[in-house]
């Protein structure tokens, strides 16, 4: 899958994920920007166990409708948490960042608070990724 390669989402059971996407017929949801699309394709059953592929699901949906779906990944999570601690732009817990519906509302609050609504969601995603990556590098260097 192209998204798997582009974003290094580490999806090993590509066929299982593809069957999940096709099985949920999310095309109408993607066109409408319904956040339910992410929630439908994030859980994938592999060998009887359910794996929660939230990062992949958000990237897949964003690829199809970048105006509606903020990208969830560890970098965005780290960046949003750091901004919350410094600026308290919205009240939320770290666990709220794991719930995509909450995550999307947190990104929207971040955009409003910092007057970033003139930027596309894709531009905000890129900023959160870069900032989160930088913050993760600092933490890694502090541990060394």
Protein backbone atom coordinates (compact mmCIF):
# COMPACT_ATOMS: atom_id res chain seq x y z
CA UNK A 1 0.00 0.00 0.00
CA UNK A 2 1.33 3.37 -1.00
CA UNK A 3 0.31 5.12 2.21
CA UNK A 4 2.07 2.44 4.23
CA UNK A 5 5.31 3.14 2.34
CA UNK A 6 4.99 6.95 2.21
CA UNK A 7 4.25 7.36 5.90
CA UNK A 8 6.13 4.32 7.28
CA UNK A 9 3.02 3.15 9.12
CA UNK A 10 4.44 -0.35 9.68
CA UNK A 11 1.38 -2.20 8.42
CA UNK A 12 2.58 -5.77 8.00
CA UNK A 13 -0.76 -7.43 7.22
CA UNK A 14 -1.52 -5.26 4.20
CA UNK A 15 -4.15 -7.60 2.80
CA UNK A 16 -6.06 -7.70 6.11
CA UNK A 17 -6.09 -3.90 6.22
CA UNK A 18 -7.22 -3.67 2.59
CA UNK A 19 -10.07 -6.14 3.26
CA UNK A 20 -11.09 -4.06 6.28
CA UNK A 21 -11.21 -0.88 4.22
CA UNK A 22 -13.19 -2.50 1.41
CA UNK A 23 -15.48 -4.27 3.88
CA UNK A 24 -16.49 -1.02 5.53
CA UNK A 25 -17.16 0.78 2.23
CA UNK A 26 -15.94 4.12 3.62
CA UNK A 27 -15.99 6.06 0.34
CA UNK A 28 -19.16 7.99 1.20
CA UNK A 29 -17.79 8.80 4.66
CA UNK A 30 -14.51 10.03 3.16
CA UNK A 31 -16.31 12.35 0.76
CA UNK A 32 -18.40 13.82 3.59
CA UNK A 33 -15.39 14.09 5.90
CA UNK A 34 -17.08 11.89 8.48
CA UNK A 35 -14.61 11.10 11.25
CA UNK A 36 -16.34 7.75 11.61
CA UNK A 37 -14.32 6.56 8.60
CA UNK A 38 -11.17 6.54 10.74
CA UNK A 39 -12.94 4.68 13.53
CA UNK A 40 -14.23 2.06 11.08
CA UNK A 41 -10.89 1.19 9.49
CA UNK A 42 -8.56 1.61 12.49
CA UNK A 43 -9.36 -1.77 14.11
CA UNK A 44 -8.05 -4.68 12.05
CA UNK A 45 -8.26 -8.34 13.00
CA UNK A 46 -5.03 -10.27 12.47
CA UNK A 47 -4.82 -13.89 13.59
CA UNK A 48 -7.77 -13.44 15.93
CA UNK A 49 -6.36 -10.33 17.61
CA UNK A 50 -7.49 -6.80 16.96
CA UNK A 51 -4.79 -4.26 16.18
CA UNK A 52 -5.67 -0.57 16.47
CA UNK A 53 -4.09 1.17 13.46
CA UNK A 54 -5.13 4.72 14.29
CA UNK A 55 -2.13 6.36 12.66
CA UNK A 56 -2.61 4.46 9.41
CA UNK A 57 -6.37 5.02 9.39
CA UNK A 58 -6.03 8.79 9.87
CA UNK A 59 -3.36 8.97 7.15
CA UNK A 60 -5.48 6.91 4.76
CA UNK A 61 -8.49 9.17 5.31
CA UNK A 62 -6.38 12.34 5.11
CA UNK A 63 -4.92 11.13 1.81
CA UNK A 64 -8.47 10.95 0.44
CA UNK A 65 -9.77 14.17 2.04
CA UNK A 66 -7.00 16.28 3.55
CA UNK A 67 -9.39 19.09 4.48
CA UNK A 68 -11.34 16.88 6.87
CA UNK A 69 -8.93 14.49 8.58
CA UNK A 70 -6.06 15.57 10.81
CA UNK A 71 -3.21 13.08 10.83
CA UNK A 72 -2.66 11.23 14.08
CA UNK A 73 0.83 9.99 14.87
CA UNK A 74 3.26 10.03 17.76
CA UNK A 75 4.82 13.30 16.61
CA UNK A 76 1.48 15.12 16.49
CA UNK A 77 0.59 13.67 19.88
CA UNK A 78 3.88 14.87 21.42
CA UNK A 79 3.54 18.34 19.90
CA UNK A 80 -0.07 18.82 21.00
CA UNK A 81 0.74 17.66 24.53
CA UNK A 82 3.69 20.08 24.75
CA UNK A 83 1.55 22.99 23.55
CA UNK A 84 -1.20 22.03 25.98
CA UNK A 85 1.26 22.07 28.88
CA UNK A 86 2.71 25.43 27.85
CA UNK A 87 -0.40 27.28 26.63
CA UNK A 88 -3.36 25.29 27.95
CA UNK A 89 -5.28 25.91 24.72
CA UNK A 90 -7.78 23.16 25.60
CA UNK A 91 -8.32 20.89 28.57
CA UNK A 92 -7.62 17.25 27.73
CA UNK A 93 -5.75 14.25 29.04
CA UNK A 94 -3.01 12.33 27.27
CA UNK A 95 -5.51 9.47 26.83
CA UNK A 96 -7.85 11.84 24.95
CA UNK A 97 -5.20 12.02 22.23
CA UNK A 98 -5.75 8.29 21.60
CA UNK A 99 -9.44 8.82 20.76
CA UNK A 100 -9.61 10.08 17.17
CA UNK A 101 -12.79 12.10 17.67
CA UNK A 102 -11.18 13.87 20.63
CA UNK A 103 -7.89 14.17 18.75
CA UNK A 104 -9.66 15.95 15.88
CA UNK A 105 -11.35 18.37 18.29
CA UNK A 106 -7.98 19.03 19.97
CA UNK A 107 -6.39 19.85 16.59
CA UNK A 108 -9.32 22.17 15.81
CA UNK A 109 -8.89 23.92 19.19
CA UNK A 110 -5.15 24.23 18.52
CA UNK A 111 -5.86 25.89 15.17
CA UNK A 112 -8.37 28.30 16.71
CA UNK A 113 -6.20 29.20 19.71
CA UNK A 114 -3.14 29.99 17.62
CA UNK A 115 -5.15 31.62 14.81
CA UNK A 116 -4.04 29.02 12.25
CA UNK A 117 -7.38 28.61 10.51
CA UNK A 118 -6.00 30.28 7.37
CA UNK A 119 -3.60 27.33 7.05
CA UNK A 120 -4.77 24.10 5.51
CA UNK A 121 -5.14 21.11 7.76
CA UNK A 122 -2.29 19.49 5.79
CA UNK A 123 -0.03 22.44 6.68
CA UNK A 124 -0.97 22.12 10.36
CA UNK A 125 -0.32 18.36 10.17
CA UNK A 126 3.16 19.01 8.78
CA UNK A 127 3.90 21.55 11.50
CA UNK A 128 2.76 19.19 14.26
CA UNK A 129 4.84 16.39 12.77
CA UNK A 130 8.02 18.47 12.55
CA UNK A 131 7.57 20.03 16.00
CA UNK A 132 6.77 16.68 17.60
CA UNK A 133 9.75 15.07 15.89
CA UNK A 134 12.03 17.84 17.20
CA UNK A 135 10.66 17.42 20.72
CA UNK A 136 11.21 13.66 20.56
CA UNK A 137 14.81 14.21 19.46
CA UNK A 138 15.44 16.53 22.41
CA UNK A 139 14.05 13.91 24.82
CA UNK A 140 16.26 11.26 23.24
CA UNK A 141 19.35 13.47 23.55
CA UNK A 142 18.54 14.22 27.19
CA UNK A 143 18.52 10.48 27.95
CA UNK A 144 21.91 9.88 26.35
